[in-house]
């Protein structure tokens, strides 16, 4: 008799636990209607996304320009920002 009662109680508890694990169906979303107005045409287009920014650029390779003799500068062949090559004359004294 005790065994039958234990089995009955266990079965009821199992049924309760398994019933609680059941997922409830979510309600279907209601359809939304767009407000009535004039029709719009959708088309692709390129949008420029330019933003002004300020920066300071520096050279990866820098070198010192030192005269081997002193004197007055007669001519300057380059200006600030120009690219120069090894051995290029940049000024005359």
N, C-alpha and C. Protein backbone atom coordinates (compact mmCIF):
# COMPACT_ATOMS: atom_id res chain seq x y z
N UNK A 1 0.81 -1.18 0.00
CA UNK A 1 0.00 0.00 0.00
C UNK A 1 0.86 1.26 0.00
N UNK A 2 1.93 1.26 0.81
CA UNK A 2 2.82 2.41 0.89
C UNK A 2 3.52 2.60 -0.43
N UNK A 3 3.92 1.53 -1.07
CA UNK A 3 4.61 1.60 -2.33
C UNK A 3 3.70 2.18 -3.40
N UNK A 4 2.44 1.80 -3.36
CA UNK A 4 1.47 2.32 -4.34
C UNK A 4 1.26 3.81 -4.14
N UNK A 5 1.22 4.27 -2.91
CA UNK A 5 1.04 5.69 -2.61
C UNK A 5 2.26 6.49 -3.07
N UNK A 6 3.44 5.93 -2.84
CA UNK A 6 4.68 6.61 -3.25
C UNK A 6 4.72 6.71 -4.77
N UNK A 7 4.34 5.65 -5.46
CA UNK A 7 4.33 5.68 -6.92
C UNK A 7 3.32 6.69 -7.44
N UNK A 8 2.17 6.77 -6.82
CA UNK A 8 1.13 7.72 -7.24
C UNK A 8 1.61 9.15 -7.04
N UNK A 9 2.20 9.42 -5.89
CA UNK A 9 2.69 10.78 -5.60
C UNK A 9 3.83 11.13 -6.57
N UNK A 10 4.72 10.20 -6.83
CA UNK A 10 5.82 10.44 -7.75
C UNK A 10 5.30 10.71 -9.16
N UNK A 11 4.30 9.95 -9.59
CA UNK A 11 3.73 10.15 -10.92
C UNK A 11 3.07 11.51 -11.03
N UNK A 12 2.36 11.94 -10.00
CA UNK A 12 1.70 13.25 -10.00
C UNK A 12 2.74 14.36 -10.04
N UNK A 13 3.83 14.23 -9.27
CA UNK A 13 4.88 15.24 -9.26
C UNK A 13 5.58 15.32 -10.61
N UNK A 14 5.84 14.16 -11.21
CA UNK A 14 6.46 14.14 -12.53
C UNK A 14 5.58 14.80 -13.57
N UNK A 15 4.31 14.52 -13.53
CA UNK A 15 3.37 15.11 -14.49
C UNK A 15 3.31 16.62 -14.30
N UNK A 16 3.35 17.08 -13.06
CA UNK A 16 3.32 18.52 -12.77
C UNK A 16 4.59 19.20 -13.28
N UNK A 17 5.74 18.58 -13.01
CA UNK A 17 7.01 19.15 -13.47
C UNK A 17 7.10 19.19 -14.98
N UNK A 18 6.71 18.12 -15.63
CA UNK A 18 6.78 18.08 -17.09
C UNK A 18 5.77 19.04 -17.72
N UNK A 19 4.64 19.20 -17.09
CA UNK A 19 3.64 20.14 -17.60
C UNK A 19 4.11 21.58 -17.49
N UNK A 20 4.92 21.88 -16.47
CA UNK A 20 5.43 23.23 -16.28
C UNK A 20 6.50 23.57 -17.30
N UNK A 21 7.15 22.57 -17.89
CA UNK A 21 8.21 22.80 -18.87
C UNK A 21 7.67 23.08 -20.26
N UNK A 22 6.40 22.92 -20.44
CA UNK A 22 5.81 23.12 -21.77
C UNK A 22 5.89 24.59 -22.15
N UNK A 23 6.30 24.86 -23.41
CA UNK A 23 6.38 26.23 -23.90
C UNK A 23 4.99 26.73 -24.28
N UNK A 24 4.74 27.96 -23.93
CA UNK A 24 3.48 28.57 -24.31
C UNK A 24 3.64 29.21 -25.67
N UNK A 25 2.67 29.03 -26.55
CA UNK A 25 2.78 29.67 -27.87
C UNK A 25 2.64 31.18 -27.73
N UNK A 26 3.51 31.91 -28.45
CA UNK A 26 3.45 33.36 -28.41
C UNK A 26 2.33 33.84 -29.32
N UNK A 27 1.64 34.89 -28.93
CA UNK A 27 0.57 35.39 -29.79
C UNK A 27 1.14 35.93 -31.10
N UNK A 28 0.41 35.72 -32.16
CA UNK A 28 0.85 36.18 -33.48
C UNK A 28 0.88 37.71 -33.50
N UNK A 29 1.94 38.29 -34.09
CA UNK A 29 2.00 39.75 -34.14
C UNK A 29 0.89 40.31 -35.02
N UNK A 30 0.34 41.41 -34.56
CA UNK A 30 -0.75 42.01 -35.33
C UNK A 30 -0.17 42.75 -36.53
N UNK A 31 -0.87 42.68 -37.64
CA UNK A 31 -0.41 43.34 -38.86
C UNK A 31 -0.59 44.84 -38.72
N UNK A 32 0.48 45.59 -39.03
CA UNK A 32 0.40 47.04 -38.95
C UNK A 32 0.17 47.59 -40.35
N UNK A 33 -0.67 48.54 -40.43
CA UNK A 33 -0.99 49.15 -41.72
C UNK A 33 -0.27 50.48 -41.80
N UNK A 34 0.39 50.71 -42.92
CA UNK A 34 1.10 51.97 -43.13
C UNK A 34 0.10 53.10 -43.29
N UNK A 35 0.45 54.28 -42.79
CA UNK A 35 -0.46 55.40 -42.95
C UNK A 35 -0.65 55.74 -44.43
N UNK A 36 -1.85 56.09 -44.78
CA UNK A 36 -2.12 56.39 -46.18
C UNK A 36 -1.59 57.77 -46.53
N UNK A 37 -0.84 57.85 -47.60
CA UNK A 37 -0.30 59.10 -48.10
C UNK A 37 0.10 58.87 -49.55
N UNK A 38 0.75 59.84 -50.14
CA UNK A 38 1.16 59.65 -51.53
C UNK A 38 2.26 58.60 -51.61
N UNK A 39 2.41 58.00 -52.76
CA UNK A 39 3.39 56.93 -52.93
C UNK A 39 4.79 57.49 -53.09
N UNK A 40 5.74 56.76 -52.57
CA UNK A 40 7.14 57.12 -52.69
C UNK A 40 7.86 56.07 -53.52
N UNK A 41 8.84 56.49 -54.31
CA UNK A 41 9.62 55.56 -55.12
C UNK A 41 10.96 55.36 -54.43
N UNK A 42 11.33 54.11 -54.22
CA UNK A 42 12.60 53.78 -53.58
C UNK A 42 13.61 53.47 -54.67
N UNK A 43 14.76 54.14 -54.63
CA UNK A 43 15.81 53.89 -55.60
C UNK A 43 17.16 54.08 -54.92
N UNK A 44 18.17 53.38 -55.42
CA UNK A 44 19.49 53.49 -54.80
C UNK A 44 20.22 54.69 -55.38
N UNK A 45 21.07 55.28 -54.54
CA UNK A 45 21.88 56.39 -54.98
C UNK A 45 23.13 56.43 -54.12
N UNK A 46 24.18 57.04 -54.65
CA UNK A 46 25.44 57.16 -53.92
C UNK A 46 25.38 58.42 -53.06
N UNK A 47 25.72 58.24 -51.81
CA UNK A 47 25.73 59.37 -50.88
C UNK A 47 27.18 59.60 -50.46
N UNK A 48 27.67 60.79 -50.71
CA UNK A 48 29.06 61.07 -50.31
C UNK A 48 29.10 61.32 -48.82
N UNK A 49 30.05 60.70 -48.18
CA UNK A 49 30.20 60.82 -46.73
C UNK A 49 31.57 61.41 -46.44
N UNK A 50 31.79 62.64 -46.88
CA UNK A 50 33.08 63.29 -46.69
C UNK A 50 33.04 64.16 -45.44
N UNK A 51 34.10 64.05 -44.66
CA UNK A 51 34.19 64.84 -43.45
C UNK A 51 35.57 65.49 -43.41
N UNK A 52 35.62 66.80 -43.20
CA UNK A 52 36.94 67.44 -43.11
C UNK A 52 37.63 67.07 -41.80
N UNK A 53 38.90 66.72 -41.89
CA UNK A 53 39.68 66.42 -40.70
C UNK A 53 41.03 67.12 -40.82
N UNK A 54 41.63 67.41 -39.71
CA UNK A 54 42.93 68.06 -39.68
C UNK A 54 43.97 67.04 -39.25
N UNK A 55 45.15 67.10 -39.88
CA UNK A 55 46.19 66.14 -39.54
C UNK A 55 47.55 66.76 -39.81
N UNK A 56 48.55 66.19 -39.19
CA UNK A 56 49.93 66.57 -39.44
C UNK A 56 50.63 65.34 -39.98
N UNK A 57 51.20 65.46 -41.17
CA UNK A 57 51.90 64.34 -41.78
C UNK A 57 53.40 64.51 -41.57
N UNK A 58 54.05 63.43 -41.27
CA UNK A 58 55.50 63.47 -41.11
C UNK A 58 56.12 62.43 -42.02
N UNK A 59 57.35 62.66 -42.37
CA UNK A 59 58.07 61.74 -43.25
C UNK A 59 58.52 60.52 -42.47
N UNK A 60 58.50 59.39 -43.14
CA UNK A 60 58.98 58.17 -42.51
C UNK A 60 60.51 58.21 -42.41
N UNK A 61 61.15 58.75 -43.46
CA UNK A 61 62.61 58.85 -43.49
C UNK A 61 63.00 60.33 -43.45
N UNK A 62 63.74 60.72 -42.45
CA UNK A 62 64.20 62.09 -42.33
C UNK A 62 65.71 62.10 -42.25
N UNK A 63 66.30 63.18 -42.70
CA UNK A 63 67.74 63.33 -42.61
C UNK A 63 68.11 64.78 -42.42
N UNK A 64 69.28 65.00 -41.90
CA UNK A 64 69.75 66.35 -41.69
C UNK A 64 70.46 66.84 -42.95
N UNK A 65 70.26 68.09 -43.28
CA UNK A 65 70.98 68.71 -44.40
C UNK A 65 71.96 69.71 -43.78
N UNK A 66 73.22 69.35 -43.78
CA UNK A 66 74.24 70.18 -43.16
C UNK A 66 75.28 70.55 -44.22
N UNK A 67 75.61 71.86 -44.29
CA UNK A 67 76.65 72.31 -45.23
C UNK A 67 78.02 72.03 -44.65
N UNK A 68 78.92 71.61 -45.50
CA UNK A 68 80.28 71.31 -45.04
C UNK A 68 81.12 72.58 -44.90
N UNK A 69 80.68 73.64 -45.57
CA UNK A 69 81.39 74.92 -45.49
C UNK A 69 80.40 76.01 -45.11
N UNK A 70 80.87 77.09 -44.56
CA UNK A 70 79.98 78.19 -44.22
C UNK A 70 79.94 79.18 -45.37
N UNK A 71 78.86 79.92 -45.48
CA UNK A 71 78.74 80.91 -46.54
C UNK A 71 77.32 81.40 -46.66
N UNK A 72 77.07 82.19 -47.71
CA UNK A 72 75.75 82.74 -47.96
C UNK A 72 75.03 81.85 -48.96
N UNK A 73 73.77 81.59 -48.71
CA UNK A 73 72.96 80.74 -49.59
C UNK A 73 72.66 81.50 -50.88
N UNK A 74 73.10 80.96 -52.03
CA UNK A 74 72.89 81.60 -53.33
C UNK A 74 71.58 81.14 -53.96
N UNK A 75 71.32 79.82 -53.92
CA UNK A 75 70.09 79.31 -54.52
C UNK A 75 69.58 78.12 -53.72
N UNK A 76 68.26 77.97 -53.75
CA UNK A 76 67.60 76.86 -53.08
C UNK A 76 66.75 76.16 -54.12
N UNK A 77 67.08 74.91 -54.46
CA UNK A 77 66.44 74.18 -55.57
C UNK A 77 65.14 73.48 -55.17
N UNK A 78 64.87 73.34 -53.90
CA UNK A 78 63.67 72.64 -53.45
C UNK A 78 62.92 73.51 -52.46
N UNK A 79 61.67 73.19 -52.27
CA UNK A 79 60.89 73.88 -51.25
C UNK A 79 60.35 72.85 -50.27
N UNK A 80 59.81 73.31 -49.18
CA UNK A 80 59.30 72.42 -48.15
C UNK A 80 58.25 71.48 -48.72
N UNK A 81 58.39 70.18 -48.46
CA UNK A 81 57.42 69.20 -48.93
C UNK A 81 57.86 68.47 -50.19
N UNK A 82 58.89 68.98 -50.90
CA UNK A 82 59.37 68.29 -52.11
C UNK A 82 60.08 67.00 -51.74
N UNK A 83 60.00 66.02 -52.66
CA UNK A 83 60.75 64.78 -52.47
C UNK A 83 62.14 64.98 -53.05
N UNK A 84 63.13 64.48 -52.36
CA UNK A 84 64.50 64.57 -52.84
C UNK A 84 65.11 63.18 -52.84
N UNK A 85 66.13 63.01 -53.69
CA UNK A 85 66.83 61.73 -53.77
C UNK A 85 68.26 61.89 -53.23
N UNK A 86 68.83 60.78 -52.91
CA UNK A 86 70.21 60.78 -52.42
C UNK A 86 71.12 61.39 -53.48
N UNK A 87 71.92 62.35 -53.07
CA UNK A 87 72.88 62.98 -53.98
C UNK A 87 72.31 64.18 -54.73
N UNK A 88 71.05 64.47 -54.61
CA UNK A 88 70.43 65.60 -55.32
C UNK A 88 70.89 66.91 -54.70
N UNK A 89 71.21 67.90 -55.55
CA UNK A 89 71.61 69.21 -55.07
C UNK A 89 70.35 69.95 -54.64
N UNK A 90 70.34 70.40 -53.41
CA UNK A 90 69.17 71.10 -52.91
C UNK A 90 69.46 72.58 -52.67
N UNK A 91 70.71 72.94 -52.54
CA UNK A 91 71.06 74.36 -52.32
C UNK A 91 72.50 74.61 -52.77
N UNK A 92 72.78 75.90 -53.08
CA UNK A 92 74.16 76.32 -53.44
C UNK A 92 74.59 77.42 -52.49
N UNK A 93 75.83 77.28 -52.03
CA UNK A 93 76.37 78.30 -51.11
C UNK A 93 77.40 79.13 -51.87
